[in-house]
Amino acid sequence: MVGIFHRAYWKNEVLPYLQQRRNDTDLTFRNQAIPGQTLVNALWQRNLMRLSDRGRASELIGHRWAELCAESLEAQTGVARPIPGSNGEDATYTVKAVARLDDIPEVAATASREKLQNPDFLLVGHRGGEQVLQSADAKFSVETAKSKQVSADVVTSLLLLGPVITDHLPELRDGFDVIDGFFICPDFSLTHYMMQTKASPRGGVSVSRDQICLLPVTADTFMDSLAGTELALQLAQIDDFPISPHDSLLAFLYYFRLARACVGCWVDQHAPLLAYRDVTEIDMASVLDFGTWLASRSDTAWDVVQKWDEAAEQVRRQRLAVDRAASLPVSSGELRMHIEAQAKRRGIVPPSMGRIRRSVGAWFRLKLRERFGAIDPPVPDLPELLLDMSRTAQELRPAMFHEIDREIERAGTAPPTAQGIAAASPNGQATTT
């Protein structure tokens, strides 16, 4: 069970708490085997970030943190929460219910369509006889928090979406008060470093201290059930640093990103070259086997990732070449002229070229997929394959233009009518036709 929020943050006693920080040796630990020589620099190292996010590292870290925040918030029923900007007897409200929104795809999709931000949680509470609604957002990286995301205005706008939001708030009655929300961040060395530093490669913390609630979490708790933990711990054994990923969440994050970088490289090596709505199932046993083999030939954990990256690069180049061969065999200028001519002939407003290219491009890729299959990597004779794909593309051009014409007819719209449009009369006065 995750511990409750620190008392200091529930009472907004932020600065006194920061002054009593424990000794965070993982922040000052230095070693040449780490990219950037420190764990903090390593987590922000551009190549490691890129490779690890090929393996969905940031996504998985965010999901895990949201799970821990949800678990803790659910245990906060009956707890008093501070009301921003309030003092005296009415300075708090009591939490009665918590609605989690981040794991409901319909909420995110609807908010995105309306260009609205949506916080991860909504808390319903009581202050005297009045209901209170407050948002909360799980932020593993405190520097990414933006006040607007949990503002009362954002929540009010979300409620206007109707049942997609309100159905998850059955306890809410008319006449409630919407207040500004807060962010839940992990209580570990990197969060405190970011809160105290004025500048960093990731930028500073922009939200006020009283909007941040720290949730205690151990490395072992965080890594539990997280896909990639086993490989991360194996990589840590290669370096054998005095700072253990079991004791330091910062150290675990470094090795977890290394592990997910390995997963990303494995996917790059095994995913089809001519993908079409494919989902590549990750064989973690295969990842571990190859990782173990590389580890036996590497001096550091980072070296394992670099060697794997080099091994995967050949397949990435082949995939890029196949993607280029699988693009529509028509230039942008030719496509634009064709769309405009066909739309004019039909008397419709031409659809955007981007829409036509996306739609017909998917059709074209499917046709190539039916002809060549998924094309498993690596391909021993890539030039011959690309030549064959080029010939097939030219053969498909007549059918491609028929598909373009059908899509123009489907996507095109009727021109606006003259009714209601203001026009200038001969004497210069505006008239309505």
Protein backbone atom coordinates (compact mmCIF):
# COMPACT_ATOMS: atom_id res chain seq x y z
CA MET A 1 0.00 0.00 0.00
CA VAL A 2 1.29 3.43 -0.94
CA GLY A 3 1.69 5.85 1.94
CA ILE A 4 -0.48 8.94 2.33
CA PHE A 5 0.62 12.39 1.25
CA HIS A 6 3.14 14.14 3.44
CA ARG A 7 1.54 16.18 6.19
CA ALA A 8 3.75 19.10 5.17
CA TYR A 9 2.08 19.26 1.79
CA TRP A 10 -1.43 18.82 3.03
CA LYS A 11 -0.83 21.89 5.19
CA ASN A 12 1.14 23.71 2.48
CA GLU A 13 4.24 23.83 4.70
CA VAL A 14 6.47 23.32 1.68
CA LEU A 15 9.62 25.31 2.36
CA PRO A 16 10.20 24.09 5.95
CA TYR A 17 9.85 20.54 4.67
CA LEU A 18 12.36 21.10 1.87
CA GLN A 19 14.88 22.42 4.38
CA GLN A 20 14.73 19.10 6.22
CA ARG A 21 15.55 16.98 3.18
CA ARG A 22 17.40 13.72 3.67
CA ASN A 23 20.83 13.09 2.14
CA ASP A 24 20.19 12.31 -1.54
CA THR A 25 23.47 10.69 -2.52
CA ASP A 26 22.02 9.44 -5.82
CA LEU A 27 21.98 13.05 -7.06
CA THR A 28 25.70 13.54 -6.46
CA PHE A 29 26.88 10.08 -7.48
CA ARG A 30 29.27 10.28 -10.45
CA ASN A 31 30.71 7.58 -12.68
CA GLN A 32 32.26 7.61 -16.14
CA ALA A 33 30.16 4.57 -17.11
CA ILE A 34 26.99 6.69 -17.02
CA PRO A 35 26.15 8.92 -20.01
CA GLY A 36 26.63 12.44 -18.69
CA GLN A 37 28.47 10.97 -15.66
CA THR A 38 25.49 11.45 -13.27
CA LEU A 39 22.14 9.72 -13.02
CA VAL A 40 20.29 13.01 -13.50
CA ASN A 41 22.20 13.83 -16.68
CA ALA A 42 21.68 10.28 -17.93
CA LEU A 43 17.89 10.53 -17.63
CA TRP A 44 17.96 13.63 -19.82
CA GLN A 45 20.52 12.31 -22.29
CA ARG A 46 18.92 12.80 -25.68
CA ASN A 47 19.90 9.49 -27.24
CA LEU A 48 18.83 7.49 -24.20
CA MET A 49 15.49 9.34 -24.10
CA ARG A 50 14.94 8.66 -27.80
CA LEU A 51 15.84 4.98 -27.62
CA SER A 52 13.95 4.29 -24.39
CA ASP A 53 10.79 5.95 -25.69
CA ARG A 54 10.94 3.67 -28.72
CA GLY A 55 10.31 1.07 -26.04
CA ARG A 56 7.52 3.21 -24.45
CA ALA A 57 9.52 4.06 -21.31
CA SER A 58 7.88 7.44 -20.60
CA GLU A 59 4.42 6.00 -21.29
CA LEU A 60 4.94 3.09 -18.90
CA ILE A 61 6.42 5.32 -16.18
CA GLY A 62 3.44 7.67 -16.47
CA HIS A 63 0.93 4.82 -16.33
CA ARG A 64 2.60 3.29 -13.30
CA TRP A 65 2.63 6.61 -11.49
CA ALA A 66 -1.05 7.17 -12.28
CA GLU A 67 -1.85 3.76 -10.79
CA LEU A 68 -0.03 4.59 -7.56
CA CYS A 69 -1.72 8.00 -7.36
CA ALA A 70 -5.13 6.43 -7.90
CA GLU A 71 -4.46 3.92 -5.13
CA SER A 72 -3.45 6.65 -2.74
CA LEU A 73 -6.32 9.00 -3.63
CA GLU A 74 -8.86 6.24 -3.11
CA ALA A 75 -7.54 5.96 0.44
CA GLN A 76 -8.07 9.70 1.03
CA THR A 77 -11.84 9.52 1.53
CA GLY A 78 -12.59 11.42 4.70
CA VAL A 79 -9.34 13.38 4.61
CA ALA A 80 -9.31 17.19 4.79
CA ARG A 81 -7.90 18.94 1.71
CA PRO A 82 -6.80 22.61 1.70
CA ILE A 83 -8.75 25.05 -0.44
CA PRO A 84 -6.41 27.33 -2.41
CA GLY A 85 -6.43 30.91 -1.17
CA SER A 86 -8.67 30.19 1.84
CA ASN A 87 -7.99 30.77 5.54
CA GLY A 88 -9.74 30.09 8.82
CA GLU A 89 -12.50 27.55 9.37
CA ASP A 90 -13.41 27.36 5.68
CA ALA A 91 -9.83 26.67 4.55
CA THR A 92 -10.41 22.95 3.96
CA TYR A 93 -12.96 20.54 2.55
CA THR A 94 -13.44 16.83 3.20
CA VAL A 95 -12.93 14.39 0.34
CA LYS A 96 -16.00 12.18 -0.21
CA ALA A 97 -15.33 10.53 -3.60
CA VAL A 98 -12.65 10.32 -6.29
CA ALA A 99 -13.28 9.82 -10.03
CA ARG A 100 -10.40 8.60 -12.16
CA LEU A 101 -10.56 9.94 -15.72
CA ASP A 102 -7.14 9.13 -17.17
CA ASP A 103 -7.98 5.48 -17.89
CA ILE A 104 -11.24 6.24 -19.72
CA PRO A 105 -10.40 6.61 -23.46
CA GLU A 106 -13.71 8.32 -24.26
CA VAL A 107 -12.91 11.18 -21.87
CA ALA A 108 -9.51 11.88 -23.43
CA ALA A 109 -10.87 11.57 -26.98
CA THR A 110 -13.80 13.93 -26.32
CA ALA A 111 -11.64 16.49 -24.53
CA SER A 112 -9.11 16.38 -27.38
CA ARG A 113 -11.81 17.00 -29.99
CA GLU A 114 -12.92 20.06 -28.05
CA LYS A 115 -9.30 21.17 -27.57
CA LEU A 116 -9.60 20.86 -23.80
CA GLN A 117 -7.07 19.61 -21.29
CA ASN A 118 -8.29 16.97 -18.90
CA PRO A 119 -6.83 16.21 -15.46
CA ASP A 120 -6.36 12.62 -14.33
CA PHE A 121 -8.71 12.81 -11.32
CA LEU A 122 -11.69 14.74 -9.99
CA LEU A 123 -12.31 14.92 -6.24
CA VAL A 124 -15.80 15.55 -4.88
CA GLY A 125 -15.97 16.85 -1.32
CA HIS A 126 -17.92 18.86 1.23
CA ARG A 127 -17.26 22.13 3.05
CA GLY A 128 -20.05 22.62 5.51
CA GLY A 129 -23.23 22.31 3.49
CA GLU A 130 -21.50 23.10 0.19
CA GLN A 131 -20.12 20.64 -2.35
CA VAL A 132 -16.63 21.17 -3.72
CA LEU A 133 -15.11 19.82 -6.94
CA GLN A 134 -11.33 19.79 -7.37
CA SER A 135 -9.04 18.28 -10.00
CA ALA A 136 -5.77 16.43 -9.46
CA ASP A 137 -3.15 15.36 -11.97
CA ALA A 138 -0.50 12.68 -11.61
CA LYS A 139 2.84 14.20 -12.67
CA PHE A 140 5.87 11.98 -12.35
CA SER A 141 8.06 14.80 -13.69
CA VAL A 142 7.22 17.91 -11.68
CA GLU A 143 8.71 20.27 -14.28
CA THR A 144 6.00 19.25 -16.78
CA ALA A 145 3.18 20.51 -14.53
CA LYS A 146 1.25 23.51 -15.86
CA SER A 147 -1.27 25.29 -13.62
CA LYS A 148 -3.87 25.62 -16.37
CA GLN A 149 -4.29 21.84 -16.57
CA VAL A 150 -5.87 21.69 -13.10
CA SER A 151 -7.50 25.12 -13.05
CA ALA A 152 -11.12 25.62 -12.09
CA ASP A 153 -11.78 27.00 -15.58
CA VAL A 154 -10.61 23.77 -17.23
CA VAL A 155 -12.82 21.65 -14.97
CA THR A 156 -15.81 23.91 -15.63
CA SER A 157 -15.27 23.55 -19.38
CA LEU A 158 -14.99 19.76 -19.04
CA LEU A 159 -18.32 19.59 -17.23
CA LEU A 160 -19.95 21.23 -20.26
CA LEU A 161 -19.12 18.05 -22.21
CA GLY A 162 -22.04 16.47 -20.39
CA PRO A 163 -22.49 12.77 -19.58
CA VAL A 164 -19.04 11.77 -20.83
CA ILE A 165 -17.78 13.53 -17.67
CA THR A 166 -20.77 13.82 -15.35
CA ASP A 167 -21.63 10.12 -15.53
CA HIS A 168 -18.42 9.51 -13.58
CA LEU A 169 -19.52 11.97 -10.87
CA PRO A 170 -22.80 10.51 -9.58
CA GLU A 171 -22.25 12.13 -6.17
CA LEU A 172 -22.19 15.64 -7.66
CA ARG A 173 -25.28 17.80 -7.07
CA ASP A 174 -26.28 21.22 -8.36
CA GLY A 175 -24.77 24.24 -6.67
CA PHE A 176 -21.20 22.98 -6.22
CA ASP A 177 -18.05 25.10 -6.10
CA VAL A 178 -15.18 24.35 -8.52
CA ILE A 179 -11.74 25.18 -7.12
CA ASP A 180 -8.24 25.08 -8.57
CA GLY A 181 -6.55 21.69 -8.39
CA PHE A 182 -3.15 20.24 -7.54
CA PHE A 183 -0.44 17.90 -8.85
CA ILE A 184 0.72 14.64 -7.29
CA CYS A 185 4.45 14.09 -7.70
CA PRO A 186 6.76 11.36 -6.37
CA ASP A 187 8.64 12.16 -3.20
CA PHE A 188 12.16 11.34 -4.30
CA SER A 189 15.44 13.05 -4.95
CA LEU A 190 14.80 14.19 -8.53
CA THR A 191 11.51 15.91 -7.67
CA HIS A 192 13.19 17.89 -4.88
CA TYR A 193 16.13 18.73 -7.10
CA MET A 194 13.76 20.15 -9.73
CA MET A 195 11.77 22.08 -7.13
CA GLN A 196 14.89 23.76 -5.78
CA THR A 197 16.91 24.36 -8.96
CA LYS A 198 16.32 27.55 -10.93
CA ALA A 199 17.36 26.09 -14.26
CA SER A 200 17.95 22.67 -15.76
CA PRO A 201 18.03 21.09 -19.22
CA ARG A 202 14.33 20.32 -18.72
CA GLY A 203 13.43 23.82 -17.54
CA GLY A 204 12.28 24.88 -14.11
CA VAL A 205 9.10 24.20 -12.12
CA SER A 206 6.43 26.69 -13.17
CA VAL A 207 3.64 25.85 -10.71
CA SER A 208 3.41 27.27 -7.19
CA ARG A 209 4.61 25.09 -4.32
CA ASP A 210 1.15 24.88 -2.76
CA GLN A 211 -0.10 23.14 -5.91
CA ILE A 212 2.30 20.23 -5.42
CA CYS A 213 1.53 17.24 -3.19
CA LEU A 214 4.33 14.73 -2.69
CA LEU A 215 3.52 11.05 -2.50
CA PRO A 216 6.13 8.81 -0.83
CA VAL A 217 7.11 5.86 -3.01
CA THR A 218 9.98 3.39 -2.79
CA ALA A 219 11.86 2.04 -5.77
CA ASP A 220 10.64 -1.49 -5.03
CA THR A 221 7.03 -0.30 -4.94
CA PHE A 222 7.38 1.58 -8.19
CA MET A 223 9.06 -1.27 -10.07
CA ASP A 224 6.44 -3.81 -9.00
CA SER A 225 4.51 -5.13 -12.05
CA LEU A 226 6.37 -2.72 -14.38
CA ALA A 227 7.23 -4.43 -17.68
CA GLY A 228 11.00 -4.35 -18.10
CA THR A 229 11.98 -4.50 -14.43
CA GLU A 230 13.75 -7.86 -14.72
CA LEU A 231 16.00 -6.65 -17.51
CA ALA A 232 16.61 -3.35 -15.70
CA LEU A 233 17.89 -5.18 -12.62
CA GLN A 234 20.10 -7.42 -14.76
CA LEU A 235 21.62 -4.36 -16.41
CA ALA A 236 22.28 -2.84 -12.99
CA GLN A 237 24.33 -5.92 -12.07
CA ILE A 238 26.73 -5.17 -14.94
CA ASP A 239 27.66 -1.78 -13.46
CA ASP A 240 27.46 -2.94 -9.83
CA PHE A 241 27.33 0.62 -8.50
CA PRO A 242 27.13 1.22 -4.73
CA ILE A 243 23.71 2.82 -5.29
CA SER A 244 21.16 0.04 -5.73
CA PRO A 245 18.05 0.41 -7.95
CA HIS A 246 16.17 -1.28 -5.08
CA ASP A 247 17.04 1.63 -2.78
CA SER A 248 17.13 4.57 -5.21
CA LEU A 249 14.20 5.34 -7.48
CA LEU A 250 16.51 7.60 -9.48
CA ALA A 251 18.89 4.69 -10.12
CA PHE A 252 16.01 2.38 -11.02
CA LEU A 253 14.67 4.91 -13.55
CA TYR A 254 18.06 4.99 -15.25
CA TYR A 255 18.21 1.22 -15.63
CA PHE A 256 14.55 1.00 -16.55
CA ARG A 257 15.13 3.44 -19.41
CA LEU A 258 18.10 1.33 -20.50
CA ALA A 259 15.89 -1.78 -20.42
CA ARG A 260 13.11 -0.16 -22.45
CA ALA A 261 15.74 1.11 -24.92
CA CYS A 262 16.68 -2.55 -25.40
CA VAL A 263 13.01 -3.40 -25.95
CA GLY A 264 12.73 -0.62 -28.52
CA CYS A 265 15.78 -1.92 -30.37
CA TRP A 266 14.33 -5.44 -30.32
CA VAL A 267 11.07 -4.17 -31.84
CA ASP A 268 13.02 -2.28 -34.52
CA GLN A 269 14.80 -5.55 -35.35
CA HIS A 270 11.66 -7.71 -35.54
CA ALA A 271 8.72 -5.54 -36.66
CA PRO A 272 7.63 -6.00 -40.32
CA LEU A 273 9.31 -3.75 -42.84
CA LEU A 274 6.01 -3.25 -44.68
CA ALA A 275 3.77 -2.69 -41.69
CA TYR A 276 0.01 -2.29 -42.09
CA ARG A 277 -1.88 -1.95 -38.80
CA ASP A 278 0.45 -4.52 -37.25
CA VAL A 279 0.96 -4.84 -33.51
CA THR A 280 4.31 -6.42 -32.71
CA GLU A 281 4.10 -8.67 -29.68
CA ILE A 282 7.21 -8.28 -27.55
CA ASP A 283 8.90 -11.54 -26.66
CA MET A 284 10.54 -10.57 -23.37
CA ALA A 285 12.31 -13.92 -23.14
CA SER A 286 13.98 -13.17 -26.48
CA VAL A 287 14.85 -9.65 -25.28
CA LEU A 288 16.42 -11.05 -22.11
CA ASP A 289 18.37 -13.69 -24.03
CA PHE A 290 19.89 -11.21 -26.46
CA GLY A 291 20.49 -8.72 -23.65
CA THR A 292 22.37 -11.40 -21.68
CA TRP A 293 24.45 -12.24 -24.74
CA LEU A 294 25.34 -8.56 -25.28
CA ALA A 295 26.07 -8.10 -21.57
CA SER A 296 28.73 -10.80 -21.76
CA ARG A 297 30.46 -8.66 -24.41
CA SER A 298 30.00 -5.26 -22.77
CA ASP A 299 31.76 -3.37 -19.99
CA THR A 300 28.76 -1.26 -18.89
CA ALA A 301 24.98 -1.30 -19.07
CA TRP A 302 25.04 1.74 -21.34
CA ASP A 303 27.42 -0.13 -23.62
CA VAL A 304 24.80 -2.89 -23.99
CA VAL A 305 22.28 -0.36 -25.27
CA GLN A 306 24.76 1.23 -27.67
CA LYS A 307 25.72 -2.14 -29.14
CA TRP A 308 22.05 -3.08 -29.52
CA ASP A 309 21.32 0.26 -31.17
CA GLU A 310 24.07 -0.40 -33.71
CA ALA A 311 22.70 -3.88 -34.41
CA ALA A 312 19.19 -2.51 -34.98
CA GLU A 313 20.29 0.35 -37.21
CA GLN A 314 20.66 -1.85 -40.31
CA VAL A 315 17.04 -2.94 -40.06
CA ARG A 316 15.90 0.65 -39.43
CA ARG A 317 17.60 1.72 -42.67
CA GLN A 318 15.87 -1.10 -44.54
CA ARG A 319 12.52 -0.11 -43.06
CA LEU A 320 13.04 3.51 -44.11
CA ALA A 321 13.86 2.40 -47.66
CA VAL A 322 10.73 0.22 -47.81
CA ASP A 323 8.59 3.07 -46.43
CA ARG A 324 9.84 5.33 -49.19
CA ALA A 325 9.09 2.69 -51.82
CA ALA A 326 5.60 2.23 -50.33
CA SER A 327 4.69 5.91 -50.58
CA LEU A 328 2.20 7.06 -53.21
CA PRO A 329 3.84 7.23 -56.68
CA VAL A 330 2.62 10.77 -57.32
CA SER A 331 4.26 14.11 -56.56
CA SER A 332 2.54 16.72 -54.42
CA GLY A 333 2.20 19.05 -57.39
CA GLU A 334 0.62 16.39 -59.61
CA LEU A 335 -1.74 15.31 -56.82
CA ARG A 336 -2.81 18.89 -56.06
CA MET A 337 -3.58 19.63 -59.71
CA HIS A 338 -5.53 16.39 -60.05
CA ILE A 339 -7.62 17.10 -56.94
CA GLU A 340 -8.45 20.62 -58.07
CA ALA A 341 -9.35 19.50 -61.60
CA GLN A 342 -11.60 16.66 -60.42
CA ALA A 343 -13.29 18.84 -57.81
CA LYS A 344 -13.96 21.55 -60.39
CA ARG A 345 -15.41 18.97 -62.80
CA ARG A 346 -17.76 17.73 -60.06
CA GLY A 347 -18.63 21.23 -58.86
CA ILE A 348 -17.47 20.62 -55.29
CA VAL A 349 -15.02 22.18 -52.86
CA PRO A 350 -11.79 20.17 -53.12
CA PRO A 351 -10.80 18.22 -49.99
CA SER A 352 -7.38 18.79 -48.48
CA MET A 353 -4.45 17.12 -50.17
CA GLY A 354 -3.32 15.74 -46.80
CA ARG A 355 -6.60 13.92 -46.33
CA ILE A 356 -6.45 12.39 -49.81
CA ARG A 357 -2.83 11.36 -49.38
CA ARG A 358 -3.51 9.68 -46.02
CA SER A 359 -6.59 7.82 -47.20
CA VAL A 360 -5.27 6.70 -50.59
CA GLY A 361 -1.84 6.06 -49.08
CA ALA A 362 -3.37 3.48 -46.74
CA TRP A 363 -5.14 1.85 -49.71
CA PHE A 364 -1.89 1.80 -51.68
CA ARG A 365 0.08 0.29 -48.80
CA LEU A 366 -2.54 -2.43 -48.42
CA LYS A 367 -2.19 -3.30 -52.10
CA LEU A 368 1.58 -3.61 -51.70
CA ARG A 369 1.07 -5.67 -48.56
CA GLU A 370 -1.17 -8.07 -50.51
CA ARG A 371 1.55 -8.39 -53.14
CA PHE A 372 4.70 -8.60 -50.96
CA GLY A 373 3.45 -9.64 -47.54
CA ALA A 374 4.74 -8.14 -44.30
CA ILE A 375 8.43 -8.47 -45.33
CA ASP A 376 10.21 -9.76 -42.25
CA PRO A 377 13.63 -8.21 -41.56
CA PRO A 378 16.39 -8.33 -42.43
CA VAL A 379 16.11 -8.62 -46.21
CA PRO A 380 19.25 -10.17 -47.78
CA ASP A 381 18.75 -8.54 -51.21
CA LEU A 382 17.05 -5.23 -50.55
CA PRO A 383 17.85 -3.51 -53.90
CA GLU A 384 16.04 -6.25 -55.83
CA LEU A 385 13.03 -5.98 -53.52
CA LEU A 386 12.89 -2.19 -53.90
CA LEU A 387 13.08 -2.50 -57.68
CA ASP A 388 10.20 -4.98 -57.64
CA MET A 389 8.17 -2.63 -55.42
CA SER A 390 8.89 0.27 -57.79
CA ARG A 391 7.59 -1.72 -60.78
CA THR A 392 4.48 -2.71 -58.84
CA ALA A 393 3.89 0.93 -57.84
CA GLN A 394 3.87 2.01 -61.48
CA GLU A 395 1.46 -0.80 -62.34
CA LEU A 396 -0.88 0.44 -59.59
CA ARG A 397 -0.95 4.06 -60.78
CA PRO A 398 -4.14 3.78 -62.91
CA ALA A 399 -6.00 2.07 -60.04
CA MET A 400 -4.53 4.63 -57.63
CA PHE A 401 -6.03 7.54 -59.59
CA HIS A 402 -9.43 5.79 -59.64
CA GLU A 403 -9.16 5.51 -55.84
CA ILE A 404 -8.16 9.19 -55.59
CA ASP A 405 -11.22 10.16 -57.61
CA ARG A 406 -13.51 8.08 -55.40
CA GLU A 407 -12.01 9.69 -52.29
CA ILE A 408 -12.42 13.19 -53.77
CA GLU A 409 -16.10 12.46 -54.35
CA ARG A 410 -16.51 11.08 -50.83
CA ALA A 411 -14.60 13.87 -49.09
CA GLY A 412 -15.53 16.87 -51.23
CA THR A 413 -18.25 19.27 -50.08
CA ALA A 414 -20.80 21.36 -51.93
CA PRO A 415 -19.81 25.00 -52.49
CA PRO A 416 -21.49 27.59 -50.24
CA THR A 417 -24.73 29.06 -51.62
CA ALA A 418 -25.12 32.73 -52.36
CA GLN A 419 -28.13 33.03 -49.98
CA GLY A 420 -27.38 35.22 -47.01
CA ILE A 421 -24.05 36.51 -48.39
CA ALA A 422 -23.68 40.26 -48.26
CA ALA A 423 -22.89 41.80 -51.65
CA ALA A 424 -22.17 45.37 -52.68
CA SER A 425 -24.94 47.14 -54.61
CA PRO A 426 -24.15 49.57 -57.47
CA ASN A 427 -24.54 52.55 -55.11
CA GLY A 428 -22.01 51.05 -52.68
CA GLN A 429 -24.58 49.99 -50.06
CA ALA A 430 -24.48 46.42 -48.73
CA THR A 431 -27.42 44.27 -49.81
CA THR A 432 -28.40 40.69 -49.03
CA THR A 433 -29.08 38.35 -51.90
